Amino acid sequence: MASKEGGIGNFLMQVRKEIEKTTWPSREQVKKALVAVAVVVIIYALLTGVFDFVIGLIMKYVFRV
């Protein structure tokens, strides 16, 4: 269980120490991750659009609208 000794000041010092331990990605890693995410989002959007179009055609055929 957490101790209440030190209060908010102690907590903030511990937070700072933990942030200093963090290893941040390089600019190149961030660029690669951004490109990968963008590609996946574009593919997902295209697939969603195609499925929506096909389901729309099926609904028009089934209900003869």
N, C-alpha and C. Protein backbone atom coordinates (compact mmCIF):
# COMPACT_ATOMS: atom_id res chain seq x y z
N MET A 1 0.84 -1.18 0.00
CA MET A 1 0.00 0.00 0.00
C MET A 1 0.89 1.24 0.00
N ALA A 2 0.46 2.27 -0.68
CA ALA A 2 1.26 3.47 -0.83
C ALA A 2 1.33 4.25 0.48
N SER A 3 2.52 4.78 0.72
CA SER A 3 2.72 5.60 1.91
C SER A 3 2.33 7.03 1.61
N LYS A 4 1.84 7.73 2.63
CA LYS A 4 1.44 9.12 2.45
C LYS A 4 2.56 10.08 2.82
N GLU A 5 3.75 9.53 3.10
CA GLU A 5 4.89 10.38 3.46
C GLU A 5 5.37 11.15 2.23
N GLY A 6 5.67 12.41 2.41
CA GLY A 6 6.21 13.21 1.33
C GLY A 6 5.16 13.97 0.56
N GLY A 7 3.95 13.49 0.52
CA GLY A 7 2.86 14.19 -0.15
C GLY A 7 3.06 14.34 -1.64
N ILE A 8 2.50 15.43 -2.14
CA ILE A 8 2.49 15.67 -3.58
C ILE A 8 3.90 15.93 -4.13
N GLY A 9 4.75 16.57 -3.35
CA GLY A 9 6.12 16.84 -3.80
C GLY A 9 6.88 15.56 -4.07
N ASN A 10 6.78 14.60 -3.15
CA ASN A 10 7.44 13.30 -3.32
C ASN A 10 6.88 12.58 -4.54
N PHE A 11 5.57 12.65 -4.69
CA PHE A 11 4.94 12.01 -5.85
C PHE A 11 5.47 12.58 -7.16
N LEU A 12 5.54 13.90 -7.25
CA LEU A 12 6.02 14.54 -8.47
C LEU A 12 7.49 14.22 -8.74
N MET A 13 8.30 14.11 -7.70
CA MET A 13 9.71 13.73 -7.89
C MET A 13 9.79 12.30 -8.43
N GLN A 14 8.95 11.40 -7.92
CA GLN A 14 8.95 10.02 -8.40
C GLN A 14 8.49 9.95 -9.86
N VAL A 15 7.49 10.76 -10.19
CA VAL A 15 7.02 10.80 -11.58
C VAL A 15 8.15 11.24 -12.50
N ARG A 16 8.87 12.29 -12.09
CA ARG A 16 9.98 12.78 -12.91
C ARG A 16 11.05 11.71 -13.10
N LYS A 17 11.37 10.97 -12.02
CA LYS A 17 12.37 9.90 -12.13
C LYS A 17 11.92 8.82 -13.11
N GLU A 18 10.64 8.47 -13.06
CA GLU A 18 10.13 7.44 -13.97
C GLU A 18 10.16 7.92 -15.42
N ILE A 19 9.83 9.19 -15.64
CA ILE A 19 9.86 9.74 -17.00
C ILE A 19 11.28 9.74 -17.53
N GLU A 20 12.27 10.01 -16.69
CA GLU A 20 13.66 10.00 -17.12
C GLU A 20 14.11 8.60 -17.53
N LYS A 21 13.48 7.56 -16.99
CA LYS A 21 13.82 6.18 -17.34
C LYS A 21 13.24 5.77 -18.69
N THR A 22 12.28 6.53 -19.17
CA THR A 22 11.60 6.19 -20.40
C THR A 22 12.53 6.34 -21.59
N THR A 23 12.50 5.37 -22.48
CA THR A 23 13.26 5.48 -23.72
C THR A 23 12.28 5.89 -24.82
N TRP A 24 12.53 7.05 -25.40
CA TRP A 24 11.65 7.58 -26.42
C TRP A 24 12.11 7.12 -27.79
N PRO A 25 11.17 6.92 -28.73
CA PRO A 25 11.56 6.48 -30.07
C PRO A 25 12.29 7.59 -30.82
N SER A 26 13.13 7.17 -31.75
CA SER A 26 13.84 8.15 -32.57
C SER A 26 12.88 8.75 -33.60
N ARG A 27 13.32 9.83 -34.21
CA ARG A 27 12.49 10.49 -35.23
C ARG A 27 12.19 9.52 -36.38
N GLU A 28 13.19 8.72 -36.75
CA GLU A 28 13.01 7.75 -37.84
C GLU A 28 11.98 6.68 -37.47
N GLN A 29 12.01 6.19 -36.24
CA GLN A 29 11.03 5.20 -35.79
C GLN A 29 9.62 5.79 -35.80
N VAL A 30 9.49 7.04 -35.40
CA VAL A 30 8.18 7.69 -35.39
C VAL A 30 7.65 7.83 -36.82
N LYS A 31 8.54 8.20 -37.75
CA LYS A 31 8.12 8.33 -39.16
C LYS A 31 7.63 6.99 -39.71
N LYS A 32 8.39 5.92 -39.42
CA LYS A 32 8.00 4.60 -39.91
C LYS A 32 6.67 4.16 -39.32
N ALA A 33 6.47 4.40 -38.05
CA ALA A 33 5.21 4.04 -37.40
C ALA A 33 4.06 4.84 -37.98
N LEU A 34 4.29 6.12 -38.24
CA LEU A 34 3.26 6.99 -38.81
C LEU A 34 2.84 6.49 -40.20
N VAL A 35 3.82 6.12 -41.01
CA VAL A 35 3.52 5.61 -42.35
C VAL A 35 2.73 4.31 -42.24
N ALA A 36 3.14 3.42 -41.35
CA ALA A 36 2.43 2.15 -41.19
C ALA A 36 0.99 2.38 -40.76
N VAL A 37 0.77 3.27 -39.82
CA VAL A 37 -0.59 3.56 -39.36
C VAL A 37 -1.41 4.17 -40.49
N ALA A 38 -0.83 5.10 -41.23
CA ALA A 38 -1.55 5.74 -42.34
C ALA A 38 -1.96 4.71 -43.39
N VAL A 39 -1.06 3.78 -43.72
CA VAL A 39 -1.37 2.75 -44.71
C VAL A 39 -2.51 1.87 -44.22
N VAL A 40 -2.46 1.45 -42.97
CA VAL A 40 -3.53 0.60 -42.42
C VAL A 40 -4.86 1.35 -42.42
N VAL A 41 -4.85 2.61 -42.06
CA VAL A 41 -6.10 3.40 -42.04
C VAL A 41 -6.66 3.53 -43.45
N ILE A 42 -5.82 3.78 -44.43
CA ILE A 42 -6.29 3.91 -45.81
C ILE A 42 -6.88 2.59 -46.30
N ILE A 43 -6.20 1.48 -46.03
CA ILE A 43 -6.71 0.17 -46.44
C ILE A 43 -8.05 -0.11 -45.76
N TYR A 44 -8.14 0.17 -44.47
CA TYR A 44 -9.38 -0.06 -43.73
C TYR A 44 -10.51 0.80 -44.31
N ALA A 45 -10.23 2.05 -44.62
CA ALA A 45 -11.25 2.94 -45.18
C ALA A 45 -11.72 2.44 -46.55
N LEU A 46 -10.78 1.99 -47.37
CA LEU A 46 -11.16 1.46 -48.69
C LEU A 46 -12.01 0.20 -48.56
N LEU A 47 -11.61 -0.71 -47.69
CA LEU A 47 -12.40 -1.93 -47.49
C LEU A 47 -13.79 -1.61 -46.96
N THR A 48 -13.88 -0.68 -46.03
CA THR A 48 -15.17 -0.30 -45.48
C THR A 48 -16.05 0.29 -46.58
N GLY A 49 -15.47 1.13 -47.43
CA GLY A 49 -16.22 1.72 -48.53
C GLY A 49 -16.72 0.67 -49.51
N VAL A 50 -15.85 -0.29 -49.86
CA VAL A 50 -16.24 -1.36 -50.79
C VAL A 50 -17.36 -2.20 -50.19
N PHE A 51 -17.22 -2.61 -48.93
CA PHE A 51 -18.27 -3.40 -48.28
C PHE A 51 -19.58 -2.64 -48.20
N ASP A 52 -19.52 -1.36 -47.91
CA ASP A 52 -20.72 -0.54 -47.85
C ASP A 52 -21.40 -0.48 -49.21
N PHE A 53 -20.61 -0.30 -50.26
CA PHE A 53 -21.16 -0.24 -51.61
C PHE A 53 -21.82 -1.57 -51.99
N VAL A 54 -21.12 -2.67 -51.73
CA VAL A 54 -21.65 -4.00 -52.08
C VAL A 54 -22.93 -4.29 -51.29
N ILE A 55 -22.92 -4.01 -50.00
CA ILE A 55 -24.12 -4.25 -49.19
C ILE A 55 -25.27 -3.36 -49.66
N GLY A 56 -24.96 -2.13 -50.07
CA GLY A 56 -25.99 -1.25 -50.63
C GLY A 56 -26.60 -1.83 -51.89
N LEU A 57 -25.77 -2.38 -52.77
CA LEU A 57 -26.28 -3.02 -53.98
C LEU A 57 -27.16 -4.23 -53.66
N ILE A 58 -26.71 -5.01 -52.69
CA ILE A 58 -27.50 -6.19 -52.30
C ILE A 58 -28.85 -5.76 -51.73
N MET A 59 -28.87 -4.73 -50.91
CA MET A 59 -30.12 -4.25 -50.33
C MET A 59 -31.06 -3.72 -51.41
N LYS A 60 -30.52 -3.02 -52.40
CA LYS A 60 -31.36 -2.53 -53.50
C LYS A 60 -31.97 -3.69 -54.28
N TYR A 61 -31.17 -4.73 -54.50
CA TYR A 61 -31.66 -5.90 -55.21
C TYR A 61 -32.73 -6.63 -54.40
N VAL A 62 -32.48 -6.84 -53.12
CA VAL A 62 -33.39 -7.59 -52.27
C VAL A 62 -34.71 -6.84 -52.09
N PHE A 63 -34.66 -5.54 -51.86
CA PHE A 63 -35.87 -4.78 -51.57
C PHE A 63 -36.42 -4.05 -52.80
N ARG A 64 -35.74 -4.19 -53.94
CA ARG A 64 -36.18 -3.58 -55.20
C ARG A 64 -36.53 -2.10 -55.04
N VAL A 65 -35.60 -1.36 -54.48
CA VAL A 65 -35.84 0.07 -54.23
C VAL A 65 -35.50 0.88 -55.45
